[in-house]
Amino acid sequence: MKPVVENIGLLNSKQSFHFFKLEVDYFKPFWHYHPELELTFIKKGRGTRFVGNSILPFAINDLVLLGANLPHNYTSLEQAKKNSHEAIIIQFPKDIFKSFKECELFNQLYIDAERGIQFTHPPKKTIHLLNLFENLGKPQQLSVLIEILDTLCKDQNRKYLSSSTYRHHLASSKTQHKIKSVTSFILENLDQKLTVTMMAEHVNMVEQSFCRWFKNAVGHSFITFLNLARIEQACMHLSTTDKLIQAIAFDCGFESLSHFNRTFKKIKGISPRVYRA
């Protein structure tokens, strides 16, 4: 389940970096990577963040720096409320400031970002600069980007997302298409019965080959990945709705409440009831 490569197009444009604000009802599954680094700040919304072999929740003020070619994906529940999710995203090549000796201190930050970094308590200054970004012209944005990276270099309230053993191998275009198909199918059908047999057939592979391929690319077995994704989705339901726990279990693809409770406690360390309290 290697991700799809995303062509941001900086090489063929007159831009040295790419900035955009995303305002959507919810984040759709799109497991992908690109050669540029990416800084993502969540202004509104909550959901599940996939980075390398990491599967964790995100919420308001989530700030993450992703290294070059690190697979990632943000997903969330469909919302009735219009534009309930908002993100600020800055994508830039790691050599963007290579001619500036003063910016050499960023190099270690770029290396650390190869695993993905979450800044757990972003300073008010960093958040202010990110919110300021969209109202500036390109030259001013470039200057503010330097300032943002400088604050991140000094910010020690951080944690790595992907494990140190995770390795991503760039895929051919044919494999990328297969990955997109598998990933989208899994994440859009978490409430359905999903088996190794079904997924192997979905991509025209025998079960044994599919299992090896999947684990090699994702860093988890298919069942582990599926359970992690389902439990994170359950956490969103527990946090944002008043649905019965049994209903949440079934909505997230579990066939029995007891199986859901066991899996939830194994992954989260507490019961769904305690998590919701």
Protein backbone atom coordinates (compact mmCIF):
# COMPACT_ATOMS: atom_id res chain seq x y z
CA MET A 1 0.00 0.00 0.00
CA LYS A 2 2.53 2.53 -1.12
CA PRO A 3 1.08 6.03 -1.60
CA VAL A 4 0.48 8.11 -4.71
CA VAL A 5 3.11 10.68 -5.68
CA GLU A 6 1.67 14.20 -5.85
CA ASN A 7 3.07 16.60 -8.43
CA ILE A 8 2.98 20.03 -6.84
CA GLY A 9 4.65 21.55 -9.89
CA LEU A 10 7.21 23.88 -8.31
CA LEU A 11 9.91 22.80 -10.75
CA ASN A 12 7.92 24.07 -13.74
CA SER A 13 6.53 27.20 -12.12
CA LYS A 14 7.83 30.61 -11.14
CA GLN A 15 7.20 29.87 -7.46
CA SER A 16 9.82 28.72 -4.97
CA PHE A 17 7.13 27.47 -2.57
CA HIS A 18 3.42 26.68 -2.58
CA PHE A 19 0.89 28.03 -0.07
CA PHE A 20 -2.83 27.40 0.13
CA LYS A 21 -5.69 27.42 2.61
CA LEU A 22 -7.98 24.42 2.47
CA GLU A 23 -11.62 24.91 3.53
CA VAL A 24 -13.78 21.79 3.16
CA ASP A 25 -16.67 19.95 4.81
CA TYR A 26 -14.32 17.07 5.64
CA PHE A 27 -10.93 15.68 4.61
CA LYS A 28 -11.22 12.88 2.06
CA PRO A 29 -8.73 9.97 1.98
CA PHE A 30 -5.71 10.75 -0.24
CA TRP A 31 -2.61 8.74 0.73
CA HIS A 32 0.23 10.49 -1.10
CA TYR A 33 3.73 11.96 -0.97
CA HIS A 34 5.81 14.59 -2.78
CA PRO A 35 9.47 15.70 -2.88
CA GLU A 36 8.68 18.98 -1.10
CA LEU A 37 8.51 19.39 2.67
CA GLU A 38 5.07 20.26 3.99
CA LEU A 39 3.97 22.30 6.99
CA THR A 40 0.31 21.72 7.86
CA PHE A 41 -1.62 23.71 10.47
CA ILE A 42 -5.19 22.68 11.35
CA LYS A 43 -7.35 25.74 12.07
CA LYS A 44 -10.66 23.86 12.25
CA GLY A 45 -11.75 20.23 12.39
CA ARG A 46 -10.61 16.92 13.79
CA GLY A 47 -9.91 13.49 12.38
CA THR A 48 -7.17 10.94 11.79
CA ARG A 49 -3.66 11.74 10.56
CA PHE A 50 -1.66 9.07 8.71
CA VAL A 51 2.11 9.75 8.45
CA GLY A 52 4.41 6.91 7.38
CA ASN A 53 3.39 4.07 9.71
CA SER A 54 1.83 6.45 12.27
CA ILE A 55 -1.96 6.60 12.71
CA LEU A 56 -3.00 9.26 15.24
CA PRO A 57 -5.81 11.77 15.84
CA PHE A 58 -5.54 15.46 14.96
CA ALA A 59 -7.57 18.45 16.16
CA ILE A 60 -7.53 22.26 16.18
CA ASN A 61 -4.01 23.79 16.38
CA ASP A 62 -2.38 20.57 15.17
CA LEU A 63 0.96 21.57 13.61
CA VAL A 64 3.04 19.05 11.68
CA LEU A 65 6.17 19.28 9.52
CA LEU A 66 6.56 16.48 6.98
CA GLY A 67 9.83 15.61 5.27
CA ALA A 68 10.41 15.04 1.57
CA ASN A 69 8.62 11.98 0.11
CA LEU A 70 7.03 11.05 3.45
CA PRO A 71 3.60 9.47 2.79
CA HIS A 72 0.72 11.20 4.55
CA ASN A 73 -3.04 11.50 4.62
CA TYR A 74 -5.60 13.42 6.68
CA THR A 75 -9.12 12.00 6.96
CA SER A 76 -12.22 12.99 8.92
CA LEU A 77 -15.90 12.15 9.28
CA GLU A 78 -18.34 13.68 6.83
CA GLN A 79 -19.90 16.78 8.40
CA ALA A 80 -23.28 18.37 7.78
CA LYS A 81 -21.78 21.76 8.57
CA LYS A 82 -20.32 23.63 5.59
CA ASN A 83 -16.54 24.22 5.65
CA SER A 84 -16.15 22.65 9.10
CA HIS A 85 -12.50 21.82 8.35
CA GLU A 86 -9.79 24.35 7.59
CA ALA A 87 -6.04 23.92 7.14
CA ILE A 88 -3.10 26.14 6.23
CA ILE A 89 -0.52 24.30 4.12
CA ILE A 90 2.95 25.42 3.02
CA GLN A 91 4.99 23.18 0.69
CA PHE A 92 8.60 23.97 -0.14
CA PRO A 93 11.81 22.25 -1.36
CA LYS A 94 14.49 21.68 1.25
CA ASP A 95 17.00 23.71 -0.78
CA ILE A 96 14.76 26.80 -0.88
CA PHE A 97 17.19 28.77 1.31
CA LYS A 98 20.42 27.00 0.35
CA SER A 99 22.11 30.24 -0.74
CA PHE A 100 21.61 31.75 2.72
CA LYS A 101 24.31 30.73 5.20
CA GLU A 102 22.09 32.00 8.01
CA CYS A 103 19.53 29.29 7.19
CA GLU A 104 21.90 26.33 7.52
CA LEU A 105 20.45 25.67 10.98
CA PHE A 106 17.26 24.52 9.21
CA ASN A 107 19.07 21.46 7.82
CA GLN A 108 18.73 19.46 11.05
CA LEU A 109 15.03 20.31 11.16
CA TYR A 110 14.63 18.92 7.63
CA ILE A 111 16.42 15.71 8.66
CA ASP A 112 14.21 15.33 11.74
CA ALA A 113 11.13 15.91 9.57
CA GLU A 114 11.90 12.78 7.54
CA ARG A 115 9.89 10.92 10.20
CA GLY A 116 7.30 13.68 10.53
CA ILE A 117 7.28 16.07 13.50
CA GLN A 118 4.26 17.14 15.50
CA PHE A 119 4.78 20.36 17.45
CA THR A 120 2.67 19.51 20.48
CA HIS A 121 2.32 23.03 21.93
CA PRO A 122 2.91 25.53 19.09
CA PRO A 123 4.04 28.92 20.43
CA LYS A 124 1.60 31.81 19.99
CA LYS A 125 4.16 33.50 17.76
CA THR A 126 4.21 30.54 15.34
CA ILE A 127 0.40 30.43 15.15
CA HIS A 128 0.26 34.20 14.63
CA LEU A 129 2.75 33.99 11.75
CA LEU A 130 0.80 31.15 10.11
CA ASN A 131 -2.47 33.09 10.35
CA LEU A 132 -0.71 36.17 8.96
CA PHE A 133 0.68 34.25 5.98
CA GLU A 134 -2.36 34.33 3.67
CA ASN A 135 -2.65 38.13 3.81
CA LEU A 136 0.90 38.78 2.64
CA GLY A 137 2.47 39.12 -0.79
CA LYS A 138 4.96 36.50 -1.99
CA PRO A 139 8.15 38.35 -0.91
CA GLN A 140 6.73 38.93 2.57
CA GLN A 141 5.57 35.29 2.76
CA LEU A 142 9.11 34.14 2.02
CA SER A 143 10.43 36.28 4.86
CA VAL A 144 7.76 34.98 7.25
CA LEU A 145 8.49 31.38 6.23
CA ILE A 146 12.08 31.87 7.39
CA GLU A 147 10.75 33.24 10.68
CA ILE A 148 8.37 30.28 11.09
CA LEU A 149 11.13 27.72 10.45
CA ASP A 150 13.36 29.57 12.91
CA THR A 151 10.71 29.27 15.65
CA LEU A 152 10.25 25.56 14.86
CA CYS A 153 13.98 24.92 15.14
CA LYS A 154 13.87 26.30 18.69
CA ASP A 155 10.63 24.54 19.66
CA GLN A 156 11.44 21.45 21.74
CA ASN A 157 7.77 20.59 22.39
CA ARG A 158 7.73 18.03 19.60
CA LYS A 159 7.35 14.36 18.91
CA TYR A 160 8.26 12.14 15.97
CA LEU A 161 5.34 10.55 14.17
CA SER A 162 6.68 7.70 12.04
CA SER A 163 8.91 5.09 13.68
CA SER A 164 12.68 5.17 13.14
CA THR A 165 12.50 1.82 11.31
CA TYR A 166 9.92 2.99 8.75
CA ARG A 167 11.24 3.15 5.20
CA HIS A 168 9.31 4.39 2.18
CA HIS A 169 10.35 3.22 -1.28
CA LEU A 170 9.28 5.34 -4.24
CA ALA A 171 6.79 3.50 -6.43
CA SER A 172 6.24 3.21 -10.18
CA SER A 173 3.20 4.96 -11.66
CA LYS A 174 1.43 1.59 -12.07
CA THR A 175 1.99 0.76 -8.40
CA GLN A 176 0.89 4.25 -7.38
CA HIS A 177 -2.45 3.69 -9.10
CA LYS A 178 -2.88 0.39 -7.25
CA ILE A 179 -2.04 2.07 -3.96
CA LYS A 180 -4.57 4.83 -4.49
CA SER A 181 -7.22 2.24 -5.23
CA VAL A 182 -6.46 0.15 -2.12
CA THR A 183 -6.10 3.08 0.26
CA SER A 184 -9.24 4.86 -0.84
CA PHE A 185 -11.23 1.63 -0.68
CA ILE A 186 -10.12 0.83 2.88
CA LEU A 187 -10.57 4.30 4.35
CA GLU A 188 -13.90 4.93 2.64
CA ASN A 189 -15.31 1.56 3.73
CA LEU A 190 -14.21 1.21 7.34
CA ASP A 191 -17.83 0.53 8.30
CA GLN A 192 -18.00 -2.49 5.98
CA LYS A 193 -16.65 -6.01 6.37
CA LEU A 194 -13.11 -5.94 4.94
CA THR A 195 -10.96 -9.06 4.64
CA VAL A 196 -7.54 -9.92 3.27
CA THR A 197 -9.25 -12.00 0.57
CA MET A 198 -11.38 -9.04 -0.54
CA MET A 199 -8.46 -6.64 -0.64
CA ALA A 200 -6.20 -9.08 -2.49
CA GLU A 201 -8.90 -9.56 -5.11
CA HIS A 202 -9.40 -5.79 -5.31
CA VAL A 203 -5.83 -5.36 -6.58
CA ASN A 204 -5.52 -8.68 -8.45
CA MET A 205 -3.05 -10.29 -6.06
CA VAL A 206 -2.93 -13.60 -4.22
CA GLU A 207 -3.43 -13.26 -0.46
CA GLN A 208 0.12 -14.12 0.59
CA SER A 209 1.65 -11.63 -1.84
CA PHE A 210 -0.83 -8.94 -0.83
CA CYS A 211 -0.01 -9.38 2.87
CA ARG A 212 3.75 -9.06 2.22
CA TRP A 213 3.27 -6.07 -0.08
CA PHE A 214 0.97 -4.29 2.36
CA LYS A 215 3.14 -4.78 5.44
CA ASN A 216 6.33 -3.84 3.61
CA ALA A 217 4.80 -0.56 2.44
CA VAL A 218 2.78 0.48 5.49
CA GLY A 219 4.76 -0.99 8.36
CA HIS A 220 1.67 -2.75 9.75
CA SER A 221 -0.18 -5.90 8.79
CA PHE A 222 -3.50 -5.34 7.03
CA ILE A 223 -5.49 -6.31 10.15
CA THR A 224 -3.44 -4.05 12.44
CA PHE A 225 -3.77 -1.11 10.04
CA LEU A 226 -7.52 -1.71 9.71
CA ASN A 227 -8.01 -1.87 13.48
CA LEU A 228 -5.94 1.28 14.07
CA ALA A 229 -7.94 3.22 11.47
CA ARG A 230 -11.26 1.97 12.82
CA ILE A 231 -10.39 2.80 16.43
CA GLU A 232 -9.32 6.33 15.50
CA GLN A 233 -12.63 6.76 13.68
CA ALA A 234 -14.42 5.46 16.78
CA CYS A 235 -12.57 8.04 18.87
CA MET A 236 -13.94 10.80 16.64
CA HIS A 237 -17.48 9.48 17.15
CA LEU A 238 -16.95 9.22 20.91
CA SER A 239 -15.64 12.78 21.08
CA THR A 240 -18.11 14.51 18.78
CA THR A 241 -21.41 12.59 19.05
CA ASP A 242 -23.69 11.17 21.73
CA LYS A 243 -24.21 7.87 19.89
CA LEU A 244 -24.40 4.70 21.94
CA ILE A 245 -21.05 2.91 22.16
CA GLN A 246 -22.57 -0.20 20.59
CA ALA A 247 -23.79 1.85 17.62
CA ILE A 248 -20.32 3.39 17.21
CA ALA A 249 -18.75 -0.07 17.24
CA PHE A 250 -20.99 -1.23 14.40
CA ASP A 251 -20.59 2.05 12.48
CA CYS A 252 -16.82 1.52 12.55
CA GLY A 253 -16.98 -2.01 11.14
CA PHE A 254 -16.80 -4.14 14.30
CA GLU A 255 -19.16 -7.11 14.27
CA SER A 256 -19.51 -7.34 18.06
CA LEU A 257 -19.32 -4.96 20.99
CA SER A 258 -16.96 -7.27 22.90
CA HIS A 259 -14.47 -7.33 20.00
CA PHE A 260 -14.66 -3.54 19.76
CA ASN A 261 -14.06 -3.09 23.49
CA ARG A 262 -11.07 -5.47 23.48
CA THR A 263 -9.50 -3.84 20.43
CA PHE A 264 -10.11 -0.33 21.75
CA LYS A 265 -8.48 -1.09 25.11
CA LYS A 266 -5.53 -2.82 23.42
CA ILE A 267 -4.82 0.23 21.26
CA LYS A 268 -5.80 3.09 23.60
CA GLY A 269 -5.11 1.50 26.98
CA ILE A 270 -8.56 2.43 28.29
CA SER A 271 -12.16 1.44 27.56
CA PRO A 272 -14.38 3.43 25.16
CA ARG A 273 -16.53 4.50 28.11
CA VAL A 274 -13.55 5.92 30.01
CA TYR A 275 -12.26 7.60 26.82
CA ARG A 276 -15.58 9.39 26.39
CA ALA A 277 -15.87 10.48 30.04
